[in-house]
Amino acid sequence: MLKNLKILPLVLMVGVLLVSFSKMDDAAVSSNNNLHKYYISVSNATYSKSDKSVQMVTRFFIDDMEDVLNSRMENPIVLGDKSTIEEVYPLLKSYISKKLEVQINGVTSIPSFIGAEYESDQIVLYIELPSPKVPKVITMRFNAFTELFEEQKNLVHMKINGVRRSLLMDKNKLTDTVKF
């Protein structure tokens, strides 16, 4: 019985802490109700001398891509099934062709949709931008998802000849330019 009395203050203290943290979580949840979601796509691009192209890998959350594509269609689609991803290639290709415009060294480079795959909760798109010469200046307009998400930002990290530069586009800044 004496042992139990020694443990009682510790049990009471743990109980008070749990209640305190519980109330803090409730307060945090209620104060966070006014926070907005943050939308961003991240792309990485490198120049391939052998292929004479900038190769771009772009990542979007599957549910966001699904929402954007379904906002344009009568019959909704469901993304995420690896066995049927090639069936949505025409939709992805069409969407990217409308949302991505690129000039490399002052010359328009028409994006080629190469393919896509699912990784966890993301859809990864592979895009190629022809460039006969090593890029010195890249100007890009990448307004994916801005029609559906007001806060959408599209970040593209470029690495050309070991030099890294980043472009950031959103609804207020439609194009961005980097020099190497």
C-alpha atoms as a PDB file:
ATOM      1  CA  MET A   1       0.000   0.000   0.000  1.00  0.00           C
ATOM      2  CA  LEU A   2       2.885   2.358   0.827  1.00  0.00           C
ATOM      3  CA  LYS A   3       4.442   1.694  -2.614  1.00  0.00           C
ATOM      4  CA  ASN A   4       1.217   2.757  -4.314  1.00  0.00           C
ATOM      5  CA  LEU A   5       1.185   6.062  -2.392  1.00  0.00           C
ATOM      6  CA  LYS A   6       4.699   6.889  -3.627  1.00  0.00           C
ATOM      7  CA  ILE A   7       3.610   6.335  -7.249  1.00  0.00           C
ATOM      8  CA  LEU A   8       0.366   8.327  -6.859  1.00  0.00           C
ATOM      9  CA  PRO A   9       1.986  11.813  -7.237  1.00  0.00           C
ATOM     10  CA  LEU A  10       3.702  10.638 -10.431  1.00  0.00           C
ATOM     11  CA  VAL A  11       0.414   9.262 -11.827  1.00  0.00           C
ATOM     12  CA  LEU A  12      -1.366  12.528 -10.974  1.00  0.00           C
ATOM     13  CA  MET A  13       1.384  14.583 -12.620  1.00  0.00           C
ATOM     14  CA  VAL A  14       1.224  12.495 -15.844  1.00  0.00           C
ATOM     15  CA  GLY A  15      -2.577  12.869 -15.848  1.00  0.00           C
ATOM     16  CA  VAL A  16      -2.326  16.661 -15.499  1.00  0.00           C
ATOM     17  CA  LEU A  17       0.223  16.805 -18.333  1.00  0.00           C
ATOM     18  CA  LEU A  18      -1.985  14.720 -20.624  1.00  0.00           C
ATOM     19  CA  VAL A  19      -4.989  16.939 -19.963  1.00  0.00           C
ATOM     20  CA  SER A  20      -2.847  20.048 -20.524  1.00  0.00           C
ATOM     21  CA  PHE A  21      -1.507  18.787 -23.857  1.00  0.00           C
ATOM     22  CA  SER A  22      -4.991  17.735 -24.887  1.00  0.00           C
ATOM     23  CA  LYS A  23      -6.294  21.253 -24.261  1.00  0.00           C
ATOM     24  CA  MET A  24      -3.297  22.742 -26.115  1.00  0.00           C
ATOM     25  CA  ASP A  25      -4.069  20.533 -29.140  1.00  0.00           C
ATOM     26  CA  ASP A  26      -7.726  21.626 -29.065  1.00  0.00           C
ATOM     27  CA  ALA A  27      -6.650  25.272 -28.969  1.00  0.00           C
ATOM     28  CA  ALA A  28      -4.186  24.746 -31.817  1.00  0.00           C
ATOM     29  CA  VAL A  29      -6.827  23.057 -33.946  1.00  0.00           C
ATOM     30  CA  SER A  30      -9.358  25.806 -33.363  1.00  0.00           C
ATOM     31  CA  SER A  31      -6.797  28.543 -34.071  1.00  0.00           C
ATOM     32  CA  ASN A  32      -5.647  26.757 -37.250  1.00  0.00           C
ATOM     33  CA  ASN A  33      -9.111  26.694 -38.800  1.00  0.00           C
ATOM     34  CA  ASN A  34      -8.272  29.959 -40.549  1.00  0.00           C
ATOM     35  CA  LEU A  35      -5.108  28.604 -42.192  1.00  0.00           C
ATOM     36  CA  HIS A  36      -5.231  27.955 -45.921  1.00  0.00           C
ATOM     37  CA  LYS A  37      -3.742  25.016 -47.796  1.00  0.00           C
ATOM     38  CA  TYR A  38      -0.488  25.524 -49.633  1.00  0.00           C
ATOM     39  CA  TYR A  39      -0.119  24.118 -53.145  1.00  0.00           C
ATOM     40  CA  ILE A  40       3.251  23.639 -54.850  1.00  0.00           C
ATOM     41  CA  SER A  41       4.656  21.453 -57.590  1.00  0.00           C
ATOM     42  CA  VAL A  42       8.363  20.746 -57.676  1.00  0.00           C
ATOM     43  CA  SER A  43      10.236  19.920 -60.868  1.00  0.00           C
ATOM     44  CA  ASN A  44      13.862  19.088 -61.523  1.00  0.00           C
ATOM     45  CA  ALA A  45      15.447  19.558 -64.936  1.00  0.00           C
ATOM     46  CA  THR A  46      18.896  18.835 -66.342  1.00  0.00           C
ATOM     47  CA  TYR A  47      20.434  19.221 -69.780  1.00  0.00           C
ATOM     48  CA  SER A  48      21.430  16.059 -71.649  1.00  0.00           C
ATOM     49  CA  LYS A  49      24.122  16.791 -74.247  1.00  0.00           C
ATOM     50  CA  SER A  50      23.669  13.362 -75.836  1.00  0.00           C
ATOM     51  CA  ASP A  51      19.889  13.796 -76.234  1.00  0.00           C
ATOM     52  CA  LYS A  52      20.189  17.550 -76.967  1.00  0.00           C
ATOM     53  CA  SER A  53      17.325  18.253 -74.591  1.00  0.00           C
ATOM     54  CA  VAL A  54      16.373  19.493 -71.157  1.00  0.00           C
ATOM     55  CA  GLN A  55      14.865  16.566 -69.300  1.00  0.00           C
ATOM     56  CA  MET A  56      12.279  17.591 -66.730  1.00  0.00           C
ATOM     57  CA  VAL A  57      10.736  15.511 -63.948  1.00  0.00           C
ATOM     58  CA  THR A  58       7.627  17.055 -62.400  1.00  0.00           C
ATOM     59  CA  ARG A  59       5.764  15.882 -59.317  1.00  0.00           C
ATOM     60  CA  PHE A  60       2.130  16.559 -58.439  1.00  0.00           C
ATOM     61  CA  PHE A  61      -0.092  15.095 -55.767  1.00  0.00           C
ATOM     62  CA  ILE A  62      -2.387  12.521 -57.366  1.00  0.00           C
ATOM     63  CA  ASP A  63      -5.571  13.958 -55.836  1.00  0.00           C
ATOM     64  CA  ASP A  64      -4.733  17.462 -57.112  1.00  0.00           C
ATOM     65  CA  MET A  65      -4.070  16.178 -60.653  1.00  0.00           C
ATOM     66  CA  GLU A  66      -7.291  14.215 -60.503  1.00  0.00           C
ATOM     67  CA  ASP A  67      -9.235  17.337 -59.435  1.00  0.00           C
ATOM     68  CA  VAL A  68      -7.714  19.437 -62.236  1.00  0.00           C
ATOM     69  CA  LEU A  69      -8.380  16.853 -64.943  1.00  0.00           C
ATOM     70  CA  ASN A  70     -11.897  16.140 -63.702  1.00  0.00           C
ATOM     71  CA  SER A  71     -12.740  19.857 -63.730  1.00  0.00           C
ATOM     72  CA  ARG A  72     -12.314  19.657 -67.534  1.00  0.00           C
ATOM     73  CA  MET A  73     -14.259  16.440 -68.155  1.00  0.00           C
ATOM     74  CA  GLU A  74     -17.810  15.173 -68.166  1.00  0.00           C
ATOM     75  CA  ASN A  75     -16.895  11.652 -67.045  1.00  0.00           C
ATOM     76  CA  PRO A  76     -14.645  11.740 -63.977  1.00  0.00           C
ATOM     77  CA  ILE A  77     -11.488   9.677 -63.893  1.00  0.00           C
ATOM     78  CA  VAL A  78      -9.703   8.090 -60.953  1.00  0.00           C
ATOM     79  CA  LEU A  79      -5.918   8.241 -60.834  1.00  0.00           C
ATOM     80  CA  GLY A  80      -3.585   6.045 -58.810  1.00  0.00           C
ATOM     81  CA  ASP A  81      -3.946   2.620 -60.465  1.00  0.00           C
ATOM     82  CA  LYS A  82      -0.522   1.677 -61.880  1.00  0.00           C
ATOM     83  CA  SER A  83      -2.059  -0.815 -64.307  1.00  0.00           C
ATOM     84  CA  THR A  84      -4.106   1.883 -66.087  1.00  0.00           C
ATOM     85  CA  ILE A  85      -1.729   4.856 -66.028  1.00  0.00           C
ATOM     86  CA  GLU A  86      -1.027   4.676 -69.769  1.00  0.00           C
ATOM     87  CA  GLU A  87      -4.749   5.199 -70.421  1.00  0.00           C
ATOM     88  CA  VAL A  88      -4.470   8.738 -68.979  1.00  0.00           C
ATOM     89  CA  TYR A  89      -1.344   9.653 -70.983  1.00  0.00           C
ATOM     90  CA  PRO A  90      -3.388  11.563 -73.617  1.00  0.00           C
ATOM     91  CA  LEU A  91      -5.040  13.644 -70.872  1.00  0.00           C
ATOM     92  CA  LEU A  92      -1.708  14.357 -69.172  1.00  0.00           C
ATOM     93  CA  LYS A  93      -0.036  15.221 -72.493  1.00  0.00           C
ATOM     94  CA  SER A  94      -2.852  17.593 -73.419  1.00  0.00           C
ATOM     95  CA  TYR A  95      -2.804  19.274 -70.020  1.00  0.00           C
ATOM     96  CA  ILE A  96       0.979  19.792 -70.018  1.00  0.00           C
ATOM     97  CA  SER A  97       0.927  21.145 -73.577  1.00  0.00           C
ATOM     98  CA  LYS A  98      -1.516  23.849 -72.421  1.00  0.00           C
ATOM     99  CA  LYS A  99       0.267  24.690 -69.167  1.00  0.00           C
ATOM    100  CA  LEU A 100       3.978  24.618 -70.030  1.00  0.00           C
ATOM    101  CA  GLU A 101       5.641  27.038 -72.455  1.00  0.00           C
ATOM    102  CA  VAL A 102       9.417  27.238 -72.731  1.00  0.00           C
ATOM    103  CA  GLN A 103      11.986  29.285 -74.600  1.00  0.00           C
ATOM    104  CA  ILE A 104      15.586  28.127 -74.575  1.00  0.00           C
ATOM    105  CA  ASN A 105      18.184  30.600 -75.844  1.00  0.00           C
ATOM    106  CA  GLY A 106      15.340  32.681 -77.298  1.00  0.00           C
ATOM    107  CA  VAL A 107      13.867  29.783 -79.305  1.00  0.00           C
ATOM    108  CA  THR A 108      10.520  28.149 -78.465  1.00  0.00           C
ATOM    109  CA  SER A 109      10.976  24.574 -77.263  1.00  0.00           C
ATOM    110  CA  ILE A 110       7.842  22.431 -77.584  1.00  0.00           C
ATOM    111  CA  PRO A 111       7.523  20.126 -74.538  1.00  0.00           C
ATOM    112  CA  SER A 112       7.271  16.409 -75.275  1.00  0.00           C
ATOM    113  CA  PHE A 113       5.390  14.314 -72.744  1.00  0.00           C
ATOM    114  CA  ILE A 114       7.460  11.129 -72.338  1.00  0.00           C
ATOM    115  CA  GLY A 115       5.484   9.273 -69.674  1.00  0.00           C
ATOM    116  CA  ALA A 116       4.373   9.119 -66.062  1.00  0.00           C
ATOM    117  CA  GLU A 117       4.384   6.893 -63.024  1.00  0.00           C
ATOM    118  CA  TYR A 118       2.915   6.849 -59.540  1.00  0.00           C
ATOM    119  CA  GLU A 119       5.125   7.133 -56.481  1.00  0.00           C
ATOM    120  CA  SER A 120       3.251   6.939 -53.199  1.00  0.00           C
ATOM    121  CA  ASP A 121       0.715   9.814 -53.249  1.00  0.00           C
ATOM    122  CA  GLN A 122       2.319  11.570 -56.229  1.00  0.00           C
ATOM    123  CA  ILE A 123       2.181  11.349 -59.984  1.00  0.00           C
ATOM    124  CA  VAL A 124       5.577  11.880 -61.608  1.00  0.00           C
ATOM    125  CA  LEU A 125       5.616  13.277 -65.146  1.00  0.00           C
ATOM    126  CA  TYR A 126       8.579  12.978 -67.511  1.00  0.00           C
ATOM    127  CA  ILE A 127       8.906  15.816 -70.014  1.00  0.00           C
ATOM    128  CA  GLU A 128      11.560  16.567 -72.610  1.00  0.00           C
ATOM    129  CA  LEU A 129      12.356  20.031 -73.978  1.00  0.00           C
ATOM    130  CA  PRO A 130      14.421  19.968 -77.208  1.00  0.00           C
ATOM    131  CA  SER A 131      17.516  22.189 -77.182  1.00  0.00           C
ATOM    132  CA  PRO A 132      20.190  21.691 -79.855  1.00  0.00           C
ATOM    133  CA  LYS A 133      22.633  23.845 -77.867  1.00  0.00           C
ATOM    134  CA  VAL A 134      23.458  24.001 -74.162  1.00  0.00           C
ATOM    135  CA  PRO A 135      20.978  26.421 -72.564  1.00  0.00           C
ATOM    136  CA  LYS A 136      22.312  29.843 -71.637  1.00  0.00           C
ATOM    137  CA  VAL A 137      18.877  31.426 -70.980  1.00  0.00           C
ATOM    138  CA  ILE A 138      15.611  29.627 -70.169  1.00  0.00           C
ATOM    139  CA  THR A 139      12.290  31.433 -69.951  1.00  0.00           C
ATOM    140  CA  MET A 140       9.363  29.388 -68.714  1.00  0.00           C
ATOM    141  CA  ARG A 141       5.649  29.806 -68.223  1.00  0.00           C
ATOM    142  CA  PHE A 142       4.361  26.938 -66.092  1.00  0.00           C
ATOM    143  CA  ASN A 143       0.881  27.618 -64.783  1.00  0.00           C
ATOM    144  CA  ALA A 144      -0.240  24.106 -63.850  1.00  0.00           C
ATOM    145  CA  PHE A 145      -3.142  23.983 -61.363  1.00  0.00           C
ATOM    146  CA  THR A 146      -3.508  27.774 -61.134  1.00  0.00           C
ATOM    147  CA  GLU A 147      -6.989  27.505 -62.622  1.00  0.00           C
ATOM    148  CA  LEU A 148      -8.136  25.455 -59.655  1.00  0.00           C
ATOM    149  CA  PHE A 149      -5.898  26.522 -56.765  1.00  0.00           C
ATOM    150  CA  GLU A 150      -5.445  30.249 -56.179  1.00  0.00           C
ATOM    151  CA  GLU A 151      -2.301  29.711 -54.073  1.00  0.00           C
ATOM    152  CA  GLN A 152      -0.598  27.298 -56.535  1.00  0.00           C
ATOM    153  CA  LYS A 153       3.145  27.747 -57.064  1.00  0.00           C
ATOM    154  CA  ASN A 154       5.278  25.870 -59.575  1.00  0.00           C
ATOM    155  CA  LEU A 155       8.943  25.549 -58.684  1.00  0.00           C
ATOM    156  CA  VAL A 156      11.453  24.296 -61.259  1.00  0.00           C
ATOM    157  CA  HIS A 157      15.060  23.556 -60.297  1.00  0.00           C
ATOM    158  CA  MET A 158      17.371  23.630 -63.333  1.00  0.00           C
ATOM    159  CA  LYS A 159      20.873  22.210 -63.386  1.00  0.00           C
ATOM    160  CA  ILE A 160      22.903  23.031 -66.488  1.00  0.00           C
ATOM    161  CA  ASN A 161      26.645  22.265 -66.644  1.00  0.00           C
ATOM    162  CA  GLY A 162      26.747  21.895 -62.861  1.00  0.00           C
ATOM    163  CA  VAL A 163      25.108  25.293 -62.234  1.00  0.00           C
ATOM    164  CA  ARG A 164      21.783  25.246 -60.404  1.00  0.00           C
ATOM    165  CA  ARG A 165      19.098  27.897 -60.865  1.00  0.00           C
ATOM    166  CA  SER A 166      15.433  27.887 -59.872  1.00  0.00           C
ATOM    167  CA  LEU A 167      12.307  29.332 -61.450  1.00  0.00           C
ATOM    168  CA  LEU A 168       9.174  30.089 -59.436  1.00  0.00           C
ATOM    169  CA  MET A 169       5.841  30.806 -61.099  1.00  0.00           C
ATOM    170  CA  ASP A 170       2.399  31.480 -59.689  1.00  0.00           C
ATOM    171  CA  LYS A 171      -0.800  33.300 -60.573  1.00  0.00           C
ATOM    172  CA  ASN A 172       0.854  36.700 -60.013  1.00  0.00           C
ATOM    173  CA  LYS A 173       4.137  35.842 -61.740  1.00  0.00           C
ATOM    174  CA  LEU A 174       3.288  33.834 -64.822  1.00  0.00           C
ATOM    175  CA  THR A 175       6.794  33.525 -66.287  1.00  0.00           C
ATOM    176  CA  ASP A 176      10.314  33.362 -64.946  1.00  0.00           C
ATOM    177  CA  THR A 177      13.765  33.442 -66.549  1.00  0.00           C
ATOM    178  CA  VAL A 178      17.127  32.021 -65.515  1.00  0.00           C
ATOM    179  CA  LYS A 179      20.568  32.582 -67.028  1.00  0.00           C
ATOM    180  CA  PHE A 180      23.499  30.189 -66.895  1.00  0.00           C
END
